[in-house]
Amino acid sequence: MDPGALPESMTSKRVLVVEFSSYEQAKACNIDPYYAKAKSVAFLAYKREMIIIEGNLA
């Protein structure tokens, strides 16, 4: 990806895509207490950007 195309985006060598059955479920996962604990540890190890996209990606 050309980083100049989206200057506000982070450049990364890794991308992880997780599919949820609904937009609401994805948002709920992000505020789940168990996930919050994992996030707090993950933020110490690396920079990350989470984007929730609604719609059919196929």
N, C-alpha and C. Protein backbone atom coordinates (compact mmCIF):
# COMPACT_ATOMS: atom_id res chain seq x y z
N MET A 1 0.84 -1.17 0.00
CA MET A 1 0.00 0.00 0.00
C MET A 1 0.89 1.23 0.00
N ASP A 2 0.53 2.20 -0.80
CA ASP A 2 1.25 3.46 -0.87
C ASP A 2 0.86 4.32 0.33
N PRO A 3 1.79 4.55 1.28
CA PRO A 3 1.41 5.32 2.46
C PRO A 3 0.96 6.74 2.14
N GLY A 4 1.34 7.26 0.98
CA GLY A 4 0.91 8.59 0.60
C GLY A 4 -0.57 8.65 0.24
N ALA A 5 -1.15 7.50 -0.09
CA ALA A 5 -2.55 7.47 -0.49
C ALA A 5 -3.47 7.77 0.69
N LEU A 6 -3.09 7.34 1.86
CA LEU A 6 -3.89 7.56 3.07
C LEU A 6 -2.96 8.11 4.16
N PRO A 7 -2.65 9.40 4.11
CA PRO A 7 -1.65 9.92 5.05
C PRO A 7 -2.02 9.78 6.52
N GLU A 8 -3.31 9.66 6.84
CA GLU A 8 -3.70 9.51 8.25
C GLU A 8 -3.57 8.08 8.74
N SER A 9 -3.31 7.13 7.84
CA SER A 9 -3.23 5.72 8.22
C SER A 9 -1.82 5.37 8.68
N MET A 10 -1.75 4.39 9.54
CA MET A 10 -0.47 3.86 9.97
C MET A 10 0.05 2.93 8.88
N THR A 11 1.35 2.86 8.74
CA THR A 11 1.93 1.87 7.84
C THR A 11 2.32 0.67 8.69
N SER A 12 1.99 -0.50 8.24
CA SER A 12 2.22 -1.71 9.01
C SER A 12 2.56 -2.85 8.08
N LYS A 13 3.37 -3.76 8.58
CA LYS A 13 3.69 -4.96 7.83
C LYS A 13 2.69 -6.07 8.11
N ARG A 14 1.83 -5.86 9.09
CA ARG A 14 0.86 -6.89 9.47
C ARG A 14 -0.55 -6.31 9.49
N VAL A 15 -1.48 -7.13 9.03
CA VAL A 15 -2.89 -6.76 9.07
C VAL A 15 -3.65 -7.98 9.55
N LEU A 16 -4.53 -7.79 10.50
CA LEU A 16 -5.37 -8.87 11.01
C LEU A 16 -6.81 -8.48 10.78
N VAL A 17 -7.56 -9.34 10.13
CA VAL A 17 -8.97 -9.09 9.87
C VAL A 17 -9.79 -10.09 10.67
N VAL A 18 -10.74 -9.59 11.45
CA VAL A 18 -11.62 -10.44 12.24
C VAL A 18 -13.05 -10.12 11.81
N GLU A 19 -13.81 -11.15 11.46
CA GLU A 19 -15.19 -10.95 11.02
C GLU A 19 -16.14 -11.29 12.16
N PHE A 20 -17.08 -10.41 12.41
CA PHE A 20 -18.12 -10.62 13.40
C PHE A 20 -19.46 -10.76 12.69
N SER A 21 -20.42 -11.36 13.35
CA SER A 21 -21.72 -11.56 12.73
C SER A 21 -22.51 -10.26 12.60
N SER A 22 -22.14 -9.24 13.38
CA SER A 22 -22.82 -7.95 13.28
C SER A 22 -21.89 -6.83 13.73
N TYR A 23 -22.24 -5.62 13.32
CA TYR A 23 -21.50 -4.43 13.73
C TYR A 23 -21.58 -4.24 15.24
N GLU A 24 -22.74 -4.49 15.79
CA GLU A 24 -22.94 -4.36 17.24
C GLU A 24 -22.05 -5.33 18.01
N GLN A 25 -21.90 -6.54 17.50
CA GLN A 25 -21.06 -7.54 18.16
C GLN A 25 -19.59 -7.10 18.13
N ALA A 26 -19.16 -6.51 17.04
CA ALA A 26 -17.78 -6.02 16.95
C ALA A 26 -17.54 -4.91 17.96
N LYS A 27 -18.48 -3.98 18.08
CA LYS A 27 -18.35 -2.90 19.05
C LYS A 27 -18.36 -3.45 20.48
N ALA A 28 -19.21 -4.43 20.74
CA ALA A 28 -19.29 -5.03 22.08
C ALA A 28 -17.99 -5.72 22.45
N CYS A 29 -17.37 -6.37 21.48
CA CYS A 29 -16.10 -7.05 21.73
C CYS A 29 -15.04 -6.04 22.16
N ASN A 30 -15.05 -4.89 21.52
CA ASN A 30 -14.04 -3.87 21.81
C ASN A 30 -14.14 -3.33 23.24
N ILE A 31 -15.30 -3.38 23.85
CA ILE A 31 -15.45 -2.88 25.23
C ILE A 31 -15.59 -4.00 26.26
N ASP A 32 -15.44 -5.24 25.82
CA ASP A 32 -15.52 -6.38 26.73
C ASP A 32 -14.40 -6.31 27.77
N PRO A 33 -14.69 -6.56 29.05
CA PRO A 33 -13.67 -6.49 30.10
C PRO A 33 -12.49 -7.44 29.88
N TYR A 34 -12.74 -8.63 29.37
CA TYR A 34 -11.66 -9.58 29.11
C TYR A 34 -10.75 -9.06 28.00
N TYR A 35 -11.35 -8.49 26.96
CA TYR A 35 -10.56 -7.94 25.87
C TYR A 35 -9.80 -6.69 26.33
N ALA A 36 -10.38 -5.90 27.21
CA ALA A 36 -9.71 -4.71 27.73
C ALA A 36 -8.40 -5.09 28.43
N LYS A 37 -8.43 -6.19 29.16
CA LYS A 37 -7.21 -6.65 29.84
C LYS A 37 -6.15 -7.05 28.81
N ALA A 38 -6.55 -7.77 27.78
CA ALA A 38 -5.61 -8.17 26.73
C ALA A 38 -5.08 -6.95 25.99
N LYS A 39 -5.95 -5.98 25.72
CA LYS A 39 -5.52 -4.75 25.03
C LYS A 39 -4.47 -4.00 25.82
N SER A 40 -4.64 -3.94 27.13
CA SER A 40 -3.69 -3.19 27.95
C SER A 40 -2.29 -3.79 27.85
N VAL A 41 -2.20 -5.10 27.74
CA VAL A 41 -0.91 -5.76 27.57
C VAL A 41 -0.40 -5.57 26.15
N ALA A 42 -1.28 -5.69 25.18
CA ALA A 42 -0.88 -5.56 23.77
C ALA A 42 -0.32 -4.17 23.47
N PHE A 43 -0.89 -3.14 24.06
CA PHE A 43 -0.42 -1.78 23.80
C PHE A 43 1.01 -1.57 24.29
N LEU A 44 1.46 -2.38 25.23
CA LEU A 44 2.85 -2.29 25.70
C LEU A 44 3.81 -2.91 24.69
N ALA A 45 3.32 -3.83 23.88
CA ALA A 45 4.18 -4.58 22.97
C ALA A 45 4.29 -3.96 21.58
N TYR A 46 3.25 -3.29 21.12
CA TYR A 46 3.27 -2.77 19.75
C TYR A 46 2.21 -1.69 19.56
N LYS A 47 2.40 -0.90 18.51
CA LYS A 47 1.40 0.09 18.14
C LYS A 47 0.30 -0.61 17.37
N ARG A 48 -0.92 -0.15 17.52
CA ARG A 48 -2.03 -0.80 16.84
C ARG A 48 -3.10 0.21 16.49
N GLU A 49 -3.86 -0.12 15.50
CA GLU A 49 -4.97 0.69 15.06
C GLU A 49 -6.13 -0.26 14.79
N MET A 50 -7.27 0.02 15.40
CA MET A 50 -8.44 -0.83 15.20
C MET A 50 -9.48 -0.05 14.42
N ILE A 51 -10.00 -0.68 13.39
CA ILE A 51 -11.03 -0.07 12.57
C ILE A 51 -12.19 -1.05 12.47
N ILE A 52 -13.39 -0.60 12.77
CA ILE A 52 -14.58 -1.43 12.62
C ILE A 52 -15.32 -0.95 11.38
N ILE A 53 -15.53 -1.85 10.44
CA ILE A 53 -16.18 -1.53 9.18
C ILE A 53 -17.48 -2.31 9.09
N GLU A 54 -18.56 -1.62 8.80
CA GLU A 54 -19.85 -2.29 8.64
C GLU A 54 -20.11 -2.52 7.16
N GLY A 55 -20.56 -3.72 6.84
CA GLY A 55 -20.92 -4.01 5.45
C GLY A 55 -20.34 -5.32 4.99
N ASN A 56 -20.67 -5.68 3.78
CA ASN A 56 -20.20 -6.92 3.16
C ASN A 56 -18.86 -6.66 2.52
N LEU A 57 -17.83 -7.34 2.99
CA LEU A 57 -16.49 -7.13 2.46
C LEU A 57 -16.15 -8.08 1.32
N ALA A 58 -17.06 -8.98 1.00
CA ALA A 58 -16.79 -9.95 -0.06
C ALA A 58 -16.94 -9.34 -1.43
